[in-house]
Amino acid sequence: SVALVIFSLWKPLVCVFGSFVFGLLYIA
């Protein structure tokens, strides 16, 4: 979750997309 903050560039709406990407990668 902390890493996602950086990935999403500190933007909550980008975080929605980033969380899905992280999910895809985490359970790949």
mmCIF file of all heavy atoms, coordinates in Angstrom:
data_MODEL
# 
_entry.id   MODEL 
# 
loop_
_atom_site.group_PDB 
_atom_site.id 
_atom_site.type_symbol 
_atom_site.label_atom_id 
_atom_site.label_alt_id 
_atom_site.label_comp_id 
_atom_site.label_asym_id 
_atom_site.label_entity_id 
_atom_site.label_seq_id 
_atom_site.pdbx_PDB_ins_code 
_atom_site.Cartn_x 
_atom_site.Cartn_y 
_atom_site.Cartn_z 
_atom_site.occupancy 
_atom_site.B_iso_or_equiv 
_atom_site.pdbx_formal_charge 
_atom_site.auth_seq_id 
_atom_site.auth_comp_id 
_atom_site.auth_asym_id 
_atom_site.auth_atom_id 
_atom_site.pdbx_PDB_model_num 
ATOM 1   N N   . SER A 1 1  ? 0.831   -1.206  0.000   1.00 0.00 ? 1  SER A N   1 
ATOM 2   C CA  . SER A 1 1  ? 0.000   0.000   0.000   1.00 0.00 ? 1  SER A CA  1 
ATOM 3   C C   . SER A 1 1  ? 0.867   1.258   0.000   1.00 0.00 ? 1  SER A C   1 
ATOM 4   O O   . SER A 1 1  ? 0.559   2.236   -0.683  1.00 0.00 ? 1  SER A O   1 
ATOM 5   C CB  . SER A 1 1  ? -0.929  0.000   1.217   1.00 0.00 ? 1  SER A CB  1 
ATOM 6   O OG  . SER A 1 1  ? -1.820  -1.093  1.181   1.00 0.00 ? 1  SER A OG  1 
ATOM 7   N N   . VAL A 1 2  ? 1.952   1.224   0.762   1.00 0.00 ? 2  VAL A N   1 
ATOM 8   C CA  . VAL A 1 2  ? 2.880   2.354   0.786   1.00 0.00 ? 2  VAL A CA  1 
ATOM 9   C C   . VAL A 1 2  ? 3.523   2.537   -0.584  1.00 0.00 ? 2  VAL A C   1 
ATOM 10  O O   . VAL A 1 2  ? 3.669   3.662   -1.078  1.00 0.00 ? 2  VAL A O   1 
ATOM 11  C CB  . VAL A 1 2  ? 3.959   2.153   1.868   1.00 0.00 ? 2  VAL A CB  1 
ATOM 12  C CG1 . VAL A 1 2  ? 4.992   3.272   1.813   1.00 0.00 ? 2  VAL A CG1 1 
ATOM 13  C CG2 . VAL A 1 2  ? 3.326   2.097   3.256   1.00 0.00 ? 2  VAL A CG2 1 
ATOM 14  N N   . ALA A 1 3  ? 3.887   1.406   -1.222  1.00 0.00 ? 3  ALA A N   1 
ATOM 15  C CA  . ALA A 1 3  ? 4.484   1.469   -2.561  1.00 0.00 ? 3  ALA A CA  1 
ATOM 16  C C   . ALA A 1 3  ? 3.489   2.023   -3.581  1.00 0.00 ? 3  ALA A C   1 
ATOM 17  O O   . ALA A 1 3  ? 3.868   2.748   -4.505  1.00 0.00 ? 3  ALA A O   1 
ATOM 18  C CB  . ALA A 1 3  ? 4.953   0.077   -2.986  1.00 0.00 ? 3  ALA A CB  1 
ATOM 19  N N   . LEU A 1 4  ? 2.213   1.691   -3.405  1.00 0.00 ? 4  LEU A N   1 
ATOM 20  C CA  . LEU A 1 4  ? 1.182   2.160   -4.336  1.00 0.00 ? 4  LEU A CA  1 
ATOM 21  C C   . LEU A 1 4  ? 1.052   3.682   -4.310  1.00 0.00 ? 4  LEU A C   1 
ATOM 22  O O   . LEU A 1 4  ? 0.702   4.294   -5.328  1.00 0.00 ? 4  LEU A O   1 
ATOM 23  C CB  . LEU A 1 4  ? -0.161  1.508   -4.000  1.00 0.00 ? 4  LEU A CB  1 
ATOM 24  C CG  . LEU A 1 4  ? -1.370  1.914   -4.850  1.00 0.00 ? 4  LEU A CG  1 
ATOM 25  C CD1 . LEU A 1 4  ? -1.111  1.646   -6.332  1.00 0.00 ? 4  LEU A CD1 1 
ATOM 26  C CD2 . LEU A 1 4  ? -2.624  1.175   -4.392  1.00 0.00 ? 4  LEU A CD2 1 
ATOM 27  N N   . VAL A 1 5  ? 1.313   4.294   -3.173  1.00 0.00 ? 5  VAL A N   1 
ATOM 28  C CA  . VAL A 1 5  ? 1.256   5.758   -3.074  1.00 0.00 ? 5  VAL A CA  1 
ATOM 29  C C   . VAL A 1 5  ? 2.228   6.378   -4.075  1.00 0.00 ? 5  VAL A C   1 
ATOM 30  O O   . VAL A 1 5  ? 1.898   7.337   -4.785  1.00 0.00 ? 5  VAL A O   1 
ATOM 31  C CB  . VAL A 1 5  ? 1.597   6.228   -1.649  1.00 0.00 ? 5  VAL A CB  1 
ATOM 32  C CG1 . VAL A 1 5  ? 1.657   7.752   -1.586  1.00 0.00 ? 5  VAL A CG1 1 
ATOM 33  C CG2 . VAL A 1 5  ? 0.571   5.703   -0.658  1.00 0.00 ? 5  VAL A CG2 1 
ATOM 34  N N   . ILE A 1 6  ? 3.419   5.811   -4.160  1.00 0.00 ? 6  ILE A N   1 
ATOM 35  C CA  . ILE A 1 6  ? 4.436   6.314   -5.093  1.00 0.00 ? 6  ILE A CA  1 
ATOM 36  C C   . ILE A 1 6  ? 4.018   6.005   -6.524  1.00 0.00 ? 6  ILE A C   1 
ATOM 37  O O   . ILE A 1 6  ? 4.108   6.843   -7.419  1.00 0.00 ? 6  ILE A O   1 
ATOM 38  C CB  . ILE A 1 6  ? 5.803   5.680   -4.790  1.00 0.00 ? 6  ILE A CB  1 
ATOM 39  C CG1 . ILE A 1 6  ? 6.215   5.988   -3.355  1.00 0.00 ? 6  ILE A CG1 1 
ATOM 40  C CG2 . ILE A 1 6  ? 6.861   6.183   -5.772  1.00 0.00 ? 6  ILE A CG2 1 
ATOM 41  C CD1 . ILE A 1 6  ? 7.439   5.219   -2.891  1.00 0.00 ? 6  ILE A CD1 1 
ATOM 42  N N   . PHE A 1 7  ? 3.524   4.779   -6.743  1.00 0.00 ? 7  PHE A N   1 
ATOM 43  C CA  . PHE A 1 7  ? 3.104   4.354   -8.076  1.00 0.00 ? 7  PHE A CA  1 
ATOM 44  C C   . PHE A 1 7  ? 2.002   5.268   -8.616  1.00 0.00 ? 7  PHE A C   1 
ATOM 45  O O   . PHE A 1 7  ? 1.976   5.597   -9.804  1.00 0.00 ? 7  PHE A O   1 
ATOM 46  C CB  . PHE A 1 7  ? 2.606   2.911   -8.022  1.00 0.00 ? 7  PHE A CB  1 
ATOM 47  C CG  . PHE A 1 7  ? 2.190   2.340   -9.354  1.00 0.00 ? 7  PHE A CG  1 
ATOM 48  C CD1 . PHE A 1 7  ? 3.102   1.667   -10.153 1.00 0.00 ? 7  PHE A CD1 1 
ATOM 49  C CD2 . PHE A 1 7  ? 0.888   2.474   -9.803  1.00 0.00 ? 7  PHE A CD2 1 
ATOM 50  C CE1 . PHE A 1 7  ? 2.727   1.143   -11.380 1.00 0.00 ? 7  PHE A CE1 1 
ATOM 51  C CE2 . PHE A 1 7  ? 0.490   1.946   -11.018 1.00 0.00 ? 7  PHE A CE2 1 
ATOM 52  C CZ  . PHE A 1 7  ? 1.420   1.279   -11.820 1.00 0.00 ? 7  PHE A CZ  1 
ATOM 53  N N   . SER A 1 8  ? 1.087   5.676   -7.750  1.00 0.00 ? 8  SER A N   1 
ATOM 54  C CA  . SER A 1 8  ? -0.053  6.495   -8.169  1.00 0.00 ? 8  SER A CA  1 
ATOM 55  C C   . SER A 1 8  ? 0.250   7.991   -8.156  1.00 0.00 ? 8  SER A C   1 
ATOM 56  O O   . SER A 1 8  ? -0.655  8.809   -8.380  1.00 0.00 ? 8  SER A O   1 
ATOM 57  C CB  . SER A 1 8  ? -1.263  6.211   -7.281  1.00 0.00 ? 8  SER A CB  1 
ATOM 58  O OG  . SER A 1 8  ? -0.976  6.527   -5.932  1.00 0.00 ? 8  SER A OG  1 
ATOM 59  N N   . LEU A 1 9  ? 1.502   8.345   -7.877  1.00 0.00 ? 9  LEU A N   1 
ATOM 60  C CA  . LEU A 1 9  ? 1.936   9.747   -7.905  1.00 0.00 ? 9  LEU A CA  1 
ATOM 61  C C   . LEU A 1 9  ? 1.142   10.634  -6.938  1.00 0.00 ? 9  LEU A C   1 
ATOM 62  O O   . LEU A 1 9  ? 0.842   11.781  -7.237  1.00 0.00 ? 9  LEU A O   1 
ATOM 63  C CB  . LEU A 1 9  ? 1.823   10.312  -9.337  1.00 0.00 ? 9  LEU A CB  1 
ATOM 64  C CG  . LEU A 1 9  ? 2.549   9.498   -10.427 1.00 0.00 ? 9  LEU A CG  1 
ATOM 65  C CD1 . LEU A 1 9  ? 2.280   10.094  -11.799 1.00 0.00 ? 9  LEU A CD1 1 
ATOM 66  C CD2 . LEU A 1 9  ? 4.034   9.431   -10.138 1.00 0.00 ? 9  LEU A CD2 1 
ATOM 67  N N   . TRP A 1 10 ? 0.782   10.060  -5.805  1.00 0.00 ? 10 TRP A N   1 
ATOM 68  C CA  . TRP A 1 10 ? 0.099   10.784  -4.741  1.00 0.00 ? 10 TRP A CA  1 
ATOM 69  C C   . TRP A 1 10 ? -1.273  11.322  -5.189  1.00 0.00 ? 10 TRP A C   1 
ATOM 70  O O   . TRP A 1 10 ? -1.743  12.339  -4.709  1.00 0.00 ? 10 TRP A O   1 
ATOM 71  C CB  . TRP A 1 10 ? 0.972   11.925  -4.209  1.00 0.00 ? 10 TRP A CB  1 
ATOM 72  C CG  . TRP A 1 10 ? 2.191   11.433  -3.519  1.00 0.00 ? 10 TRP A CG  1 
ATOM 73  C CD1 . TRP A 1 10 ? 2.342   11.184  -2.190  1.00 0.00 ? 10 TRP A CD1 1 
ATOM 74  C CD2 . TRP A 1 10 ? 3.461   11.093  -4.125  1.00 0.00 ? 10 TRP A CD2 1 
ATOM 75  N NE1 . TRP A 1 10 ? 3.612   10.706  -1.934  1.00 0.00 ? 10 TRP A NE1 1 
ATOM 76  C CE2 . TRP A 1 10 ? 4.319   10.647  -3.108  1.00 0.00 ? 10 TRP A CE2 1 
ATOM 77  C CE3 . TRP A 1 10 ? 3.941   11.135  -5.437  1.00 0.00 ? 10 TRP A CE3 1 
ATOM 78  C CZ2 . TRP A 1 10 ? 5.610   10.242  -3.349  1.00 0.00 ? 10 TRP A CZ2 1 
ATOM 79  C CZ3 . TRP A 1 10 ? 5.237   10.722  -5.678  1.00 0.00 ? 10 TRP A CZ3 1 
ATOM 80  C CH2 . TRP A 1 10 ? 6.061   10.283  -4.633  1.00 0.00 ? 10 TRP A CH2 1 
ATOM 81  N N   . LYS A 1 11 ? -1.926  10.605  -6.104  1.00 0.00 ? 11 LYS A N   1 
ATOM 82  C CA  . LYS A 1 11 ? -3.237  11.021  -6.616  1.00 0.00 ? 11 LYS A CA  1 
ATOM 83  C C   . LYS A 1 11 ? -4.258  9.903   -6.365  1.00 0.00 ? 11 LYS A C   1 
ATOM 84  O O   . LYS A 1 11 ? -4.110  8.796   -6.888  1.00 0.00 ? 11 LYS A O   1 
ATOM 85  C CB  . LYS A 1 11 ? -3.151  11.329  -8.110  1.00 0.00 ? 11 LYS A CB  1 
ATOM 86  C CG  . LYS A 1 11 ? -2.200  12.478  -8.435  1.00 0.00 ? 11 LYS A CG  1 
ATOM 87  C CD  . LYS A 1 11 ? -2.039  12.680  -9.928  1.00 0.00 ? 11 LYS A CD  1 
ATOM 88  C CE  . LYS A 1 11 ? -1.049  13.802  -10.227 1.00 0.00 ? 11 LYS A CE  1 
ATOM 89  N NZ  . LYS A 1 11 ? -0.833  13.988  -11.680 1.00 0.00 ? 11 LYS A NZ  1 
ATOM 90  N N   . PRO A 1 12 ? -5.293  10.162  -5.569  1.00 0.00 ? 12 PRO A N   1 
ATOM 91  C CA  . PRO A 1 12 ? -6.270  9.121   -5.201  1.00 0.00 ? 12 PRO A CA  1 
ATOM 92  C C   . PRO A 1 12 ? -6.958  8.448   -6.386  1.00 0.00 ? 12 PRO A C   1 
ATOM 93  O O   . PRO A 1 12 ? -7.173  7.237   -6.373  1.00 0.00 ? 12 PRO A O   1 
ATOM 94  C CB  . PRO A 1 12 ? -7.289  9.888   -4.339  1.00 0.00 ? 12 PRO A CB  1 
ATOM 95  C CG  . PRO A 1 12 ? -6.524  11.039  -3.790  1.00 0.00 ? 12 PRO A CG  1 
ATOM 96  C CD  . PRO A 1 12 ? -5.571  11.438  -4.872  1.00 0.00 ? 12 PRO A CD  1 
ATOM 97  N N   . LEU A 1 13 ? -7.307  9.206   -7.423  1.00 0.00 ? 13 LEU A N   1 
ATOM 98  C CA  . LEU A 1 13 ? -7.989  8.608   -8.571  1.00 0.00 ? 13 LEU A CA  1 
ATOM 99  C C   . LEU A 1 13 ? -7.055  7.705   -9.376  1.00 0.00 ? 13 LEU A C   1 
ATOM 100 O O   . LEU A 1 13 ? -7.460  6.647   -9.850  1.00 0.00 ? 13 LEU A O   1 
ATOM 101 C CB  . LEU A 1 13 ? -8.584  9.702   -9.477  1.00 0.00 ? 13 LEU A CB  1 
ATOM 102 C CG  . LEU A 1 13 ? -9.736  10.507  -8.868  1.00 0.00 ? 13 LEU A CG  1 
ATOM 103 C CD1 . LEU A 1 13 ? -10.296 11.488  -9.892  1.00 0.00 ? 13 LEU A CD1 1 
ATOM 104 C CD2 . LEU A 1 13 ? -10.846 9.585   -8.373  1.00 0.00 ? 13 LEU A CD2 1 
ATOM 105 N N   . VAL A 1 14 ? -5.801  8.118   -9.509  1.00 0.00 ? 14 VAL A N   1 
ATOM 106 C CA  . VAL A 1 14 ? -4.815  7.261   -10.169 1.00 0.00 ? 14 VAL A CA  1 
ATOM 107 C C   . VAL A 1 14 ? -4.591  6.009   -9.329  1.00 0.00 ? 14 VAL A C   1 
ATOM 108 O O   . VAL A 1 14 ? -4.306  4.933   -9.841  1.00 0.00 ? 14 VAL A O   1 
ATOM 109 C CB  . VAL A 1 14 ? -3.486  8.011   -10.379 1.00 0.00 ? 14 VAL A CB  1 
ATOM 110 C CG1 . VAL A 1 14 ? -2.440  7.104   -11.025 1.00 0.00 ? 14 VAL A CG1 1 
ATOM 111 C CG2 . VAL A 1 14 ? -3.708  9.247   -11.237 1.00 0.00 ? 14 VAL A CG2 1 
ATOM 112 N N   . CYS A 1 15 ? -4.758  6.158   -8.027  1.00 0.00 ? 15 CYS A N   1 
ATOM 113 C CA  . CYS A 1 15 ? -4.592  5.053   -7.094  1.00 0.00 ? 15 CYS A CA  1 
ATOM 114 C C   . CYS A 1 15 ? -5.600  3.932   -7.369  1.00 0.00 ? 15 CYS A C   1 
ATOM 115 O O   . CYS A 1 15 ? -5.296  2.751   -7.159  1.00 0.00 ? 15 CYS A O   1 
ATOM 116 C CB  . CYS A 1 15 ? -4.753  5.576   -5.670  1.00 0.00 ? 15 CYS A CB  1 
ATOM 117 S SG  . CYS A 1 15 ? -4.100  4.480   -4.414  1.00 0.00 ? 15 CYS A SG  1 
ATOM 118 N N   . VAL A 1 16 ? -6.797  4.291   -7.835  1.00 0.00 ? 16 VAL A N   1 
ATOM 119 C CA  . VAL A 1 16 ? -7.806  3.278   -8.162  1.00 0.00 ? 16 VAL A CA  1 
ATOM 120 C C   . VAL A 1 16 ? -7.276  2.375   -9.278  1.00 0.00 ? 16 VAL A C   1 
ATOM 121 O O   . VAL A 1 16 ? -7.349  1.142   -9.188  1.00 0.00 ? 16 VAL A O   1 
ATOM 122 C CB  . VAL A 1 16 ? -9.130  3.940   -8.595  1.00 0.00 ? 16 VAL A CB  1 
ATOM 123 C CG1 . VAL A 1 16 ? -10.135 2.883   -9.035  1.00 0.00 ? 16 VAL A CG1 1 
ATOM 124 C CG2 . VAL A 1 16 ? -9.704  4.777   -7.456  1.00 0.00 ? 16 VAL A CG2 1 
ATOM 125 N N   . PHE A 1 17 ? -6.738  2.977   -10.324 1.00 0.00 ? 17 PHE A N   1 
ATOM 126 C CA  . PHE A 1 17 ? -6.157  2.210   -11.427 1.00 0.00 ? 17 PHE A CA  1 
ATOM 127 C C   . PHE A 1 17 ? -4.924  1.445   -10.953 1.00 0.00 ? 17 PHE A C   1 
ATOM 128 O O   . PHE A 1 17 ? -4.739  0.268   -11.274 1.00 0.00 ? 17 PHE A O   1 
ATOM 129 C CB  . PHE A 1 17 ? -5.791  3.145   -12.573 1.00 0.00 ? 17 PHE A CB  1 
ATOM 130 C CG  . PHE A 1 17 ? -4.937  2.513   -13.637 1.00 0.00 ? 17 PHE A CG  1 
ATOM 131 C CD1 . PHE A 1 17 ? -5.483  1.613   -14.549 1.00 0.00 ? 17 PHE A CD1 1 
ATOM 132 C CD2 . PHE A 1 17 ? -3.577  2.794   -13.710 1.00 0.00 ? 17 PHE A CD2 1 
ATOM 133 C CE1 . PHE A 1 17 ? -4.696  1.017   -15.512 1.00 0.00 ? 17 PHE A CE1 1 
ATOM 134 C CE2 . PHE A 1 17 ? -2.775  2.208   -14.681 1.00 0.00 ? 17 PHE A CE2 1 
ATOM 135 C CZ  . PHE A 1 17 ? -3.335  1.309   -15.591 1.00 0.00 ? 17 PHE A CZ  1 
ATOM 136 N N   . GLY A 1 18 ? -4.079  2.124   -10.172 1.00 0.00 ? 18 GLY A N   1 
ATOM 137 C CA  . GLY A 1 18 ? -2.858  1.491   -9.691  1.00 0.00 ? 18 GLY A CA  1 
ATOM 138 C C   . GLY A 1 18 ? -3.126  0.284   -8.812  1.00 0.00 ? 18 GLY A C   1 
ATOM 139 O O   . GLY A 1 18 ? -2.391  -0.711  -8.865  1.00 0.00 ? 18 GLY A O   1 
ATOM 140 N N   . SER A 1 19 ? -4.176  0.343   -8.018  1.00 0.00 ? 19 SER A N   1 
ATOM 141 C CA  . SER A 1 19 ? -4.506  -0.788  -7.142  1.00 0.00 ? 19 SER A CA  1 
ATOM 142 C C   . SER A 1 19 ? -4.872  -2.019  -7.968  1.00 0.00 ? 19 SER A C   1 
ATOM 143 O O   . SER A 1 19 ? -4.540  -3.146  -7.598  1.00 0.00 ? 19 SER A O   1 
ATOM 144 C CB  . SER A 1 19 ? -5.657  -0.418  -6.207  1.00 0.00 ? 19 SER A CB  1 
ATOM 145 O OG  . SER A 1 19 ? -6.858  -0.188  -6.925  1.00 0.00 ? 19 SER A OG  1 
ATOM 146 N N   . PHE A 1 20 ? -5.560  -1.802  -9.091  1.00 0.00 ? 20 PHE A N   1 
ATOM 147 C CA  . PHE A 1 20 ? -5.917  -2.912  -9.983  1.00 0.00 ? 20 PHE A CA  1 
ATOM 148 C C   . PHE A 1 20 ? -4.660  -3.505  -10.617 1.00 0.00 ? 20 PHE A C   1 
ATOM 149 O O   . PHE A 1 20 ? -4.509  -4.732  -10.710 1.00 0.00 ? 20 PHE A O   1 
ATOM 150 C CB  . PHE A 1 20 ? -6.881  -2.425  -11.061 1.00 0.00 ? 20 PHE A CB  1 
ATOM 151 C CG  . PHE A 1 20 ? -7.290  -3.487  -12.045 1.00 0.00 ? 20 PHE A CG  1 
ATOM 152 C CD1 . PHE A 1 20 ? -7.978  -4.616  -11.633 1.00 0.00 ? 20 PHE A CD1 1 
ATOM 153 C CD2 . PHE A 1 20 ? -6.983  -3.358  -13.391 1.00 0.00 ? 20 PHE A CD2 1 
ATOM 154 C CE1 . PHE A 1 20 ? -8.355  -5.607  -12.537 1.00 0.00 ? 20 PHE A CE1 1 
ATOM 155 C CE2 . PHE A 1 20 ? -7.355  -4.335  -14.296 1.00 0.00 ? 20 PHE A CE2 1 
ATOM 156 C CZ  . PHE A 1 20 ? -8.039  -5.460  -13.877 1.00 0.00 ? 20 PHE A CZ  1 
ATOM 157 N N   . VAL A 1 21 ? -3.741  -2.645  -11.035 1.00 0.00 ? 21 VAL A N   1 
ATOM 158 C CA  . VAL A 1 21 ? -2.477  -3.111  -11.608 1.00 0.00 ? 21 VAL A CA  1 
ATOM 159 C C   . VAL A 1 21 ? -1.689  -3.915  -10.582 1.00 0.00 ? 21 VAL A C   1 
ATOM 160 O O   . VAL A 1 21 ? -1.153  -4.997  -10.882 1.00 0.00 ? 21 VAL A O   1 
ATOM 161 C CB  . VAL A 1 21 ? -1.631  -1.927  -12.114 1.00 0.00 ? 21 VAL A CB  1 
ATOM 162 C CG1 . VAL A 1 21 ? -0.245  -2.401  -12.564 1.00 0.00 ? 21 VAL A CG1 1 
ATOM 163 C CG2 . VAL A 1 21 ? -2.334  -1.218  -13.258 1.00 0.00 ? 21 VAL A CG2 1 
ATOM 164 N N   . PHE A 1 22 ? -1.627  -3.415  -9.361  1.00 0.00 ? 22 PHE A N   1 
ATOM 165 C CA  . PHE A 1 22 ? -0.928  -4.130  -8.300  1.00 0.00 ? 22 PHE A CA  1 
ATOM 166 C C   . PHE A 1 22 ? -1.574  -5.487  -8.047  1.00 0.00 ? 22 PHE A C   1 
ATOM 167 O O   . PHE A 1 22 ? -0.892  -6.482  -7.800  1.00 0.00 ? 22 PHE A O   1 
ATOM 168 C CB  . PHE A 1 22 ? -0.935  -3.300  -7.006  1.00 0.00 ? 22 PHE A CB  1 
ATOM 169 C CG  . PHE A 1 22 ? 0.263   -2.406  -6.852  1.00 0.00 ? 22 PHE A CG  1 
ATOM 170 C CD1 . PHE A 1 22 ? 0.828   -1.782  -7.946  1.00 0.00 ? 22 PHE A CD1 1 
ATOM 171 C CD2 . PHE A 1 22 ? 0.830   -2.173  -5.609  1.00 0.00 ? 22 PHE A CD2 1 
ATOM 172 C CE1 . PHE A 1 22 ? 1.925   -0.957  -7.821  1.00 0.00 ? 22 PHE A CE1 1 
ATOM 173 C CE2 . PHE A 1 22 ? 1.938   -1.355  -5.461  1.00 0.00 ? 22 PHE A CE2 1 
ATOM 174 C CZ  . PHE A 1 22 ? 2.479   -0.746  -6.570  1.00 0.00 ? 22 PHE A CZ  1 
ATOM 175 N N   . GLY A 1 23 ? -2.917  -5.512  -8.082  1.00 0.00 ? 23 GLY A N   1 
ATOM 176 C CA  . GLY A 1 23 ? -3.623  -6.775  -7.903  1.00 0.00 ? 23 GLY A CA  1 
ATOM 177 C C   . GLY A 1 23 ? -3.281  -7.770  -8.990  1.00 0.00 ? 23 GLY A C   1 
ATOM 178 O O   . GLY A 1 23 ? -3.049  -8.957  -8.725  1.00 0.00 ? 23 GLY A O   1 
ATOM 179 N N   . LEU A 1 24 ? -3.253  -7.305  -10.232 1.00 0.00 ? 24 LEU A N   1 
ATOM 180 C CA  . LEU A 1 24 ? -2.902  -8.170  -11.366 1.00 0.00 ? 24 LEU A CA  1 
ATOM 181 C C   . LEU A 1 24 ? -1.506  -8.768  -11.192 1.00 0.00 ? 24 LEU A C   1 
ATOM 182 O O   . LEU A 1 24 ? -1.291  -9.964  -11.426 1.00 0.00 ? 24 LEU A O   1 
ATOM 183 C CB  . LEU A 1 24 ? -2.958  -7.378  -12.676 1.00 0.00 ? 24 LEU A CB  1 
ATOM 184 C CG  . LEU A 1 24 ? -4.341  -6.985  -13.210 1.00 0.00 ? 24 LEU A CG  1 
ATOM 185 C CD1 . LEU A 1 24 ? -4.181  -6.054  -14.405 1.00 0.00 ? 24 LEU A CD1 1 
ATOM 186 C CD2 . LEU A 1 24 ? -5.144  -8.222  -13.607 1.00 0.00 ? 24 LEU A CD2 1 
ATOM 187 N N   . LEU A 1 25 ? -0.572  -7.921  -10.782 1.00 0.00 ? 25 LEU A N   1 
ATOM 188 C CA  . LEU A 1 25 ? 0.807   -8.379  -10.628 1.00 0.00 ? 25 LEU A CA  1 
ATOM 189 C C   . LEU A 1 25 ? 0.978   -9.292  -9.417  1.00 0.00 ? 25 LEU A C   1 
ATOM 190 O O   . LEU A 1 25 ? 1.718   -10.278 -9.469  1.00 0.00 ? 25 LEU A O   1 
ATOM 191 C CB  . LEU A 1 25 ? 1.739   -7.166  -10.503 1.00 0.00 ? 25 LEU A CB  1 
ATOM 192 C CG  . LEU A 1 25 ? 1.814   -6.237  -11.719 1.00 0.00 ? 25 LEU A CG  1 
ATOM 193 C CD1 . LEU A 1 25 ? 2.662   -5.014  -11.399 1.00 0.00 ? 25 LEU A CD1 1 
ATOM 194 C CD2 . LEU A 1 25 ? 2.383   -6.969  -12.925 1.00 0.00 ? 25 LEU A CD2 1 
ATOM 195 N N   . TYR A 1 26 ? 0.274   -8.973  -8.334  1.00 0.00 ? 26 TYR A N   1 
ATOM 196 C CA  . TYR A 1 26 ? 0.458   -9.706  -7.083  1.00 0.00 ? 26 TYR A CA  1 
ATOM 197 C C   . TYR A 1 26 ? -0.014  -11.158 -7.184  1.00 0.00 ? 26 TYR A C   1 
ATOM 198 O O   . TYR A 1 26 ? 0.586   -12.055 -6.592  1.00 0.00 ? 26 TYR A O   1 
ATOM 199 C CB  . TYR A 1 26 ? -0.285  -8.986  -5.954  1.00 0.00 ? 26 TYR A CB  1 
ATOM 200 C CG  . TYR A 1 26 ? 0.011   -9.542  -4.579  1.00 0.00 ? 26 TYR A CG  1 
ATOM 201 C CD1 . TYR A 1 26 ? 1.215   -9.263  -3.945  1.00 0.00 ? 26 TYR A CD1 1 
ATOM 202 C CD2 . TYR A 1 26 ? -0.919  -10.344 -3.907  1.00 0.00 ? 26 TYR A CD2 1 
ATOM 203 C CE1 . TYR A 1 26 ? 1.500   -9.767  -2.685  1.00 0.00 ? 26 TYR A CE1 1 
ATOM 204 C CE2 . TYR A 1 26 ? -0.650  -10.843 -2.652  1.00 0.00 ? 26 TYR A CE2 1 
ATOM 205 C CZ  . TYR A 1 26 ? 0.559   -10.558 -2.044  1.00 0.00 ? 26 TYR A CZ  1 
ATOM 206 O OH  . TYR A 1 26 ? 0.821   -11.061 -0.809  1.00 0.00 ? 26 TYR A OH  1 
ATOM 207 N N   . ILE A 1 27 ? -1.107  -11.393 -7.914  1.00 0.00 ? 27 ILE A N   1 
ATOM 208 C CA  . ILE A 1 27 ? -1.652  -12.751 -8.004  1.00 0.00 ? 27 ILE A CA  1 
ATOM 209 C C   . ILE A 1 27 ? -1.376  -13.406 -9.359  1.00 0.00 ? 27 ILE A C   1 
ATOM 210 O O   . ILE A 1 27 ? -1.954  -14.437 -9.689  1.00 0.00 ? 27 ILE A O   1 
ATOM 211 C CB  . ILE A 1 27 ? -3.167  -12.766 -7.732  1.00 0.00 ? 27 ILE A CB  1 
ATOM 212 C CG1 . ILE A 1 27 ? -3.912  -11.951 -8.781  1.00 0.00 ? 27 ILE A CG1 1 
ATOM 213 C CG2 . ILE A 1 27 ? -3.471  -12.258 -6.332  1.00 0.00 ? 27 ILE A CG2 1 
ATOM 214 C CD1 . ILE A 1 27 ? -5.424  -12.044 -8.658  1.00 0.00 ? 27 ILE A CD1 1 
ATOM 215 N N   . ALA A 1 28 ? -0.475  -12.793 -10.145 1.00 0.00 ? 28 ALA A N   1 
ATOM 216 C CA  . ALA A 1 28 ? -0.181  -13.326 -11.482 1.00 0.00 ? 28 ALA A CA  1 
ATOM 217 C C   . ALA A 1 28 ? 0.304   -14.773 -11.416 1.00 0.00 ? 28 ALA A C   1 
ATOM 218 O O   . ALA A 1 28 ? -0.064  -15.604 -12.253 1.00 0.00 ? 28 ALA A O   1 
ATOM 219 C CB  . ALA A 1 28 ? 0.863   -12.446 -12.171 1.00 0.00 ? 28 ALA A CB  1 
# 
